[in-house]
Protein backbone atom coordinates (compact mmCIF):
# COMPACT_ATOMS: atom_id res chain seq x y z
CA MET A 1 -1.59 15.28 18.21
CA ILE A 2 -0.06 16.37 14.86
CA VAL A 3 -2.36 14.23 11.81
CA LEU A 4 0.02 12.89 9.06
CA PRO A 5 -1.37 13.44 5.86
CA GLY A 6 -1.34 11.22 3.21
CA LEU A 7 0.96 11.29 0.50
CA PRO A 8 3.12 13.23 -1.00
CA ARG A 9 4.79 13.70 1.79
CA THR A 10 8.21 15.64 2.44
CA VAL A 11 10.04 13.17 5.26
CA LYS A 12 12.65 15.47 7.04
CA GLN A 13 14.20 12.61 9.25
CA VAL A 14 13.69 8.23 7.81
CA ILE A 15 12.59 5.54 10.71
CA VAL A 16 15.10 3.07 10.55
CA PRO A 17 13.03 -0.51 11.99
CA PRO A 18 15.36 -2.72 14.25
CA ILE A 19 14.94 -5.55 11.87
CA LYS A 20 17.14 -5.54 8.83
CA CYS A 21 16.87 -7.75 5.51
CA GLN A 22 17.77 -8.20 2.17
CA GLY A 23 16.40 -5.10 0.03
CA ILE A 24 15.20 -2.67 2.72
CA LYS A 25 13.88 0.55 1.48
CA THR A 26 15.66 2.66 4.21
CA LYS A 27 17.58 4.74 1.74
CA LEU A 28 14.82 4.60 -0.60
CA VAL A 29 11.68 6.10 1.72
CA LYS A 30 11.98 9.86 1.01
CA PHE A 31 12.00 8.78 -2.42
CA ILE A 32 9.14 6.57 -2.50
CA LEU A 33 6.73 9.28 -0.54
CA SER A 34 7.32 12.50 -2.40
CA ASN A 35 7.19 10.44 -5.50
CA VAL A 36 3.24 9.30 -4.79
CA SER A 37 -0.36 10.67 -4.33
CA TRP A 38 -2.85 9.12 -1.29
CA ASN A 39 -5.78 10.62 -0.23
CA GLY A 40 -5.05 8.86 3.69
CA LYS A 41 -8.51 8.06 4.04
CA GLY A 42 -8.61 3.86 3.16
CA ARG A 43 -5.87 1.06 4.45
CA TRP A 44 -1.95 1.33 3.29
CA ILE A 45 -1.75 -2.13 2.21
CA GLU A 46 1.62 -3.95 2.13
CA PRO A 47 1.35 -7.80 0.91
CA PHE A 48 4.95 -7.66 1.45
CA LEU A 49 6.37 -5.85 4.76
CA GLY A 50 9.79 -7.15 4.87
CA SER A 51 11.37 -4.78 7.46
CA GLY A 52 8.21 -2.57 7.20
CA VAL A 53 10.29 0.81 7.03
CA VAL A 54 7.95 2.35 4.24
CA LEU A 55 4.87 1.37 6.35
CA PHE A 56 6.29 3.20 9.18
CA ASN A 57 7.00 6.34 7.76
CA VAL A 58 4.19 6.44 5.83
CA GLN A 59 2.58 6.20 9.40
CA PRO A 60 -1.27 5.41 7.85
CA GLU A 61 -4.23 5.38 10.43
CA ARG A 62 -4.99 2.50 8.90
CA ALA A 63 -2.72 -0.42 8.07
CA LEU A 64 -3.19 -4.27 6.65
CA VAL A 65 -0.02 -5.87 5.74
CA ASN A 66 1.69 -9.50 5.52
CA ASP A 67 4.49 -11.53 5.02
CA ILE A 68 4.92 -14.86 4.46
CA ASN A 69 7.89 -14.69 6.87
CA PRO A 70 6.18 -15.65 10.68
CA HIS A 71 9.49 -14.02 12.34
CA ILE A 72 8.87 -10.41 11.08
CA ILE A 73 4.85 -10.32 11.47
CA ARG A 74 5.10 -11.97 15.29
CA LEU A 75 7.58 -9.40 16.45
CA TYR A 76 6.24 -6.36 15.08
CA GLN A 77 2.42 -8.06 16.49
CA MET A 78 3.73 -8.17 19.51
CA ILE A 79 5.27 -4.76 19.86
CA TYR A 80 2.13 -3.43 18.66
CA ASP A 81 -0.34 -5.23 20.98
CA GLY A 82 2.26 -4.12 23.69
CA SER A 83 3.36 -8.01 24.77
CA LEU A 84 7.13 -6.89 23.81
CA SER A 85 8.17 -3.33 25.28
CA PRO A 86 11.78 -1.82 24.75
CA GLU A 87 12.95 -2.65 28.33
CA GLU A 88 12.03 -6.00 28.09
CA VAL A 89 14.66 -6.14 24.96
CA ARG A 90 17.51 -4.25 26.56
CA LYS A 91 17.57 -6.78 29.24
CA TYR A 92 17.50 -9.49 27.30
CA LEU A 93 20.43 -7.91 24.67
CA THR A 94 22.78 -6.92 27.40
CA ALA A 95 22.41 -10.23 28.98
CA GLU A 96 22.77 -12.25 25.96
CA GLY A 97 25.43 -9.86 24.51
CA LYS A 98 27.80 -10.69 27.73
CA LYS A 99 27.30 -14.17 26.43
CA LEU A 100 27.99 -13.66 23.08
CA LEU A 101 30.93 -11.58 24.42
CA VAL A 102 32.44 -14.58 26.19
CA SER A 103 31.80 -17.16 23.92
CA GLY A 104 31.74 -15.82 20.36
CA GLY A 105 30.53 -17.76 17.70
CA ASP A 106 29.76 -20.59 20.16
CA TYR A 107 27.34 -19.03 21.75
CA TYR A 108 25.78 -17.64 18.60
CA TYR A 109 24.70 -20.90 16.86
CA ALA A 110 23.28 -22.08 19.84
CA VAL A 111 21.10 -19.10 19.82
CA ARG A 112 20.97 -20.17 16.09
CA GLU A 113 20.02 -23.52 17.20
CA ARG A 114 17.58 -22.79 19.91
CA PHE A 115 15.56 -20.11 17.75
CA ASN A 116 15.10 -22.66 14.92
CA LYS A 117 13.30 -24.85 17.88
CA GLY A 118 11.63 -22.32 19.19
CA GLY A 119 11.04 -19.42 17.41
CA ASP A 120 11.72 -16.49 19.92
CA PRO A 121 10.97 -13.41 18.93
CA LEU A 122 13.99 -11.84 21.46
CA ASP A 123 15.89 -14.81 19.50
CA PHE A 124 14.88 -13.10 16.19
CA ILE A 125 16.22 -9.75 17.17
CA PHE A 126 19.87 -10.90 18.19
CA LEU A 127 20.18 -12.97 15.25
CA ASN A 128 19.26 -10.29 12.68
CA ARG A 129 21.53 -7.98 14.28
CA SER A 130 24.62 -9.69 15.34
CA CYS A 131 24.87 -12.19 11.67
CA PHE A 132 26.83 -11.56 8.85
CA ASN A 133 26.09 -8.70 6.72
CA GLY A 134 22.46 -8.54 8.16
CA ILE A 135 21.17 -10.67 5.90
CA MET A 136 17.60 -12.45 6.17
CA ARG A 137 17.92 -16.53 4.96
CA PHE A 138 16.36 -19.26 5.71
CA ASN A 139 16.65 -22.95 4.31
CA SER A 140 14.10 -24.66 2.92
CA LYS A 141 13.44 -26.07 6.33
CA GLY A 142 12.73 -22.20 7.72
CA GLU A 143 15.91 -22.63 9.77
CA PHE A 144 17.64 -19.48 9.79
CA ASN A 145 21.21 -20.46 8.17
CA VAL A 146 23.26 -16.96 8.53
CA PRO A 147 26.22 -17.64 9.69
CA PHE A 148 28.10 -14.73 12.92
CA CYS A 149 29.08 -11.72 11.70
CA ARG A 150 32.68 -12.40 13.64
CA LYS A 151 31.92 -9.62 16.69
CA PRO A 152 31.92 -11.25 19.50
CA ASP A 153 31.22 -7.50 20.98
CA ARG A 154 27.90 -6.69 18.81
CA PHE A 155 26.28 -5.81 21.56
CA ARG A 156 27.79 -2.85 22.85
CA GLN A 157 25.66 -0.64 25.58
CA ALA A 158 25.25 2.34 22.15
CA TYR A 159 24.47 -0.26 19.75
CA VAL A 160 21.78 -1.88 22.75
CA THR A 161 20.71 1.83 23.04
CA LYS A 162 19.87 2.12 19.37
CA ILE A 163 18.50 -1.10 18.99
CA VAL A 164 15.99 0.03 21.86
CA ASN A 165 15.30 3.05 20.65
CA GLN A 166 14.60 1.79 17.23
CA ILE A 167 11.68 -0.39 19.04
CA SER A 168 10.71 2.55 20.74
CA ARG A 169 10.17 4.65 18.23
CA ILE A 170 7.51 2.32 16.35
CA ARG A 171 5.79 1.48 19.11
CA LYS A 172 5.25 4.77 20.03
CA ILE A 173 4.20 5.15 16.02
CA MET A 174 1.64 1.80 16.08
CA GLN A 175 -0.19 3.34 19.34
CA GLY A 176 -4.04 4.38 18.53
CA LYS A 177 -3.78 2.92 14.66
CA ASP A 178 -5.60 0.42 13.18
CA TRP A 179 -3.37 -1.93 12.37
CA ALA A 180 -3.82 -5.51 11.24
CA PHE A 181 -0.43 -7.52 10.49
CA ARG A 182 -0.91 -11.24 8.79
CA VAL A 183 0.98 -14.07 7.67
CA GLY A 184 0.03 -15.31 4.44
CA ASP A 185 -0.13 -15.98 1.11
CA TRP A 186 0.19 -12.03 -0.89
CA ARG A 187 -2.88 -12.86 -3.10
CA ASP A 188 -5.01 -12.96 -0.16
CA VAL A 189 -3.91 -9.58 0.95
CA LEU A 190 -5.13 -8.25 -2.07
CA GLU A 191 -8.92 -9.22 -1.50
CA ASN A 192 -11.54 -6.98 -0.72
CA VAL A 193 -9.39 -3.96 -1.79
CA THR A 194 -11.49 -0.55 -1.77
CA GLN A 195 -10.93 2.24 -3.92
CA ASP A 196 -9.57 4.81 -0.77
CA ASP A 197 -6.80 2.20 -0.10
CA PHE A 198 -3.41 2.00 -1.38
CA VAL A 199 -1.06 -0.62 -2.26
CA TYR A 200 2.66 -0.38 -1.83
CA LEU A 201 4.46 -3.48 -3.29
CA ASP A 202 7.42 -4.83 -2.64
CA PRO A 203 7.77 -7.91 -3.96
CA PRO A 204 11.41 -10.27 -4.54
CA TYR A 205 13.19 -8.70 -7.26
CA ILE A 206 13.17 -10.94 -10.26
CA GLY A 207 16.28 -11.94 -11.83
CA ARG A 208 17.90 -11.45 -8.42
CA HIS A 209 18.65 -14.25 -5.21
CA THR A 210 15.71 -14.16 -3.59
CA ASP A 211 16.50 -16.73 -0.89
CA TYR A 212 14.44 -14.44 2.01
CA TYR A 213 11.92 -17.54 3.53
CA GLN A 214 10.60 -17.91 -0.20
CA GLN A 215 11.34 -18.25 -3.47
CA TRP A 216 9.63 -15.72 -6.06
CA SER A 217 8.72 -17.23 -9.41
CA GLU A 218 8.07 -16.08 -13.25
CA ASP A 219 4.62 -17.14 -11.79
CA ASP A 220 4.53 -15.54 -9.25
CA ALA A 221 5.12 -12.04 -10.95
CA ALA A 222 2.68 -12.57 -13.40
CA ASP A 223 0.15 -13.52 -11.10
CA LEU A 224 0.78 -9.59 -9.22
CA ALA A 225 0.69 -8.25 -12.41
CA MET A 226 -2.38 -9.28 -13.72
CA LEU A 227 -3.66 -8.36 -10.09
CA ALA A 228 -2.27 -5.32 -9.41
CA ARG A 229 -3.73 -3.96 -12.63
CA ASN A 230 -7.43 -4.96 -11.56
CA LEU A 231 -7.34 -3.14 -8.34
CA PRO A 232 -9.38 -0.41 -7.53
CA CYS A 233 -7.39 1.63 -6.00
CA GLY A 234 -4.18 3.01 -6.51
CA PHE A 235 -0.70 1.41 -6.10
CA ALA A 236 3.04 1.48 -6.53
CA LEU A 237 5.54 -1.09 -6.97
CA SER A 238 9.06 -1.40 -6.51
CA MET A 239 11.29 -2.86 -8.82
CA TRP A 240 14.85 -3.17 -9.86
CA LYS A 241 15.23 -1.07 -13.85
CA GLU A 242 19.11 -1.73 -14.23
CA ASN A 243 22.81 -1.98 -13.15
CA LYS A 244 26.18 -1.98 -14.96
CA TYR A 245 25.46 -5.76 -16.37
CA ARG A 246 21.76 -5.70 -17.79
CA LEU A 247 18.29 -4.19 -17.94
CA ASN A 248 15.66 -5.95 -16.47
CA PRO A 249 12.80 -6.48 -19.37
CA HIS A 250 10.27 -7.46 -16.66
CA ILE A 251 9.50 -3.83 -16.48
CA ALA A 252 8.07 -3.60 -20.21
CA TYR A 253 6.50 -7.06 -19.96
CA TYR A 254 4.44 -6.64 -17.12
CA TRP A 255 4.69 -3.13 -16.27
CA ASP A 256 4.13 -1.31 -19.42
CA GLY A 257 2.11 2.02 -18.98
CA LEU A 258 2.79 2.57 -15.39
CA VAL A 259 4.30 5.71 -14.44
CA GLU A 260 7.74 5.34 -13.98
CA ARG A 261 9.85 7.23 -11.37
CA THR A 262 13.72 6.24 -10.76
CA PHE A 263 16.83 6.00 -8.25
CA THR A 264 19.89 5.52 -8.39
CA HIS A 265 22.65 4.44 -5.80
CA PHE A 266 25.14 2.57 -5.27
CA TYR A 267 25.17 -0.96 -3.73
CA HIS A 268 27.60 -2.29 -1.61
CA VAL A 269 27.33 -5.98 -1.87
CA GLY A 270 29.97 -8.01 -1.91
CA SER A 271 34.29 -7.58 -0.22
CA THR A 272 35.76 -6.90 -4.14
CA GLU A 273 35.15 -4.00 -6.28
CA ASN A 274 33.33 -5.64 -9.17
CA LEU A 275 30.41 -6.32 -6.92
CA ARG A 276 29.63 -2.62 -6.09
CA ASN A 277 27.89 -1.27 -8.60
CA LEU A 278 25.62 1.73 -9.44
CA MET A 279 21.78 0.61 -9.17
CA GLU A 280 19.13 1.98 -10.97
CA GLU A 281 15.57 1.37 -8.96
CA ALA A 282 12.04 2.20 -10.42
CA LEU A 283 8.76 2.89 -9.01
CA LEU A 284 5.97 2.16 -10.96
CA ILE A 285 2.99 3.89 -10.17
CA LYS A 286 -0.45 3.52 -11.36
CA PRO A 287 -1.95 6.02 -13.54
CA GLY A 288 -3.33 9.57 -11.96
CA HIS A 289 -1.74 8.37 -8.07
CA GLU A 290 1.71 9.55 -9.14
CA ALA A 291 2.55 12.84 -7.57
CA GLY A 292 3.51 15.97 -9.34
CA LYS A 293 6.47 15.76 -11.99
CA VAL A 294 10.21 15.47 -10.33
CA GLU A 295 13.34 14.72 -11.36
CA THR A 296 14.84 11.25 -12.04
CA THR A 297 17.22 10.90 -8.31
CA LYS A 298 20.36 10.36 -7.84
CA ALA A 299 21.70 9.70 -3.93
CA ALA A 300 23.91 12.19 -2.97
CA LYS A 301 26.34 9.85 -1.66
CA PRO A 302 26.93 5.43 -2.19
CA VAL A 303 24.30 3.80 -0.45
CA GLN A 304 26.28 0.53 1.52
CA LEU A 305 23.54 -2.09 1.62
CA ALA A 306 24.68 -4.82 3.74
CA PHE A 307 23.99 -8.24 2.00
CA ALA A 308 24.90 -10.89 -0.37
CA LEU A 309 23.50 -10.15 -3.70
CA HIS A 310 23.80 -12.99 -6.45
CA GLU A 311 22.96 -12.79 -9.99
CA GLN A 312 21.39 -15.23 -11.70
CA ALA A 313 21.13 -16.40 -15.22
CA GLY A 314 18.49 -13.89 -16.90
């Protein structure tokens, strides 16, 4: 078995997770992993796991990951401990896909109602991969409320196989590793951090639409900046920096003095041209934990991120 080194690291093929959500870092993984320096001796810590794409590509021996969304954590915990197998997912999606093909939206909404009552991880996968634009959105009651993608043939054999292969890959990555999954407040995860750990922070973007299971306030952002600066270990933060309409003032206000690396890519965020714009993303790194200087990076081609983005008043 090949033992993966720490960071920085060149990633040839990005491991894509089976779950999609807003702000997913699939297209930024190579950029992130090539700009961070970590010896790999401690734990890789993520207080905001999201899709898990960064974790699955770092592949640390030890990890502590958290998300406020219990459905994401439950799914990955079950894959980790073997209580949910790829073949079980294949069988489920094949059967449910046939029902969707016959009944379309009516069946999608029946599954959504069933999920909101019982929270079955298999239903969660079904909804996440057949909802509109892969949006991860819950209402104030914690109910999944994204509409149907209007594709009754969504779960064709090739698509089911793609999802099953994604689950098989991350299951293989998890095997034999010491990973802990938590559901709760991100602040709790930053307790008892050691100097050998590394913390990757991907909080909801302040100044953007953040109805992904939680709201993110100015107070939350201020608390995160204060706690991060007092960590005994290295950390890196992902944050949007600038688009054609405005510069994010939050970076200069809370994160001044950190090493900044940037990546420019294209957001496809709506049906009209005025909603499709270049976005500059920043990776803010604690000094001394950055990799050797690299040039500012630009995506080779437009990155299609499938979710609706809404501006808030600045």
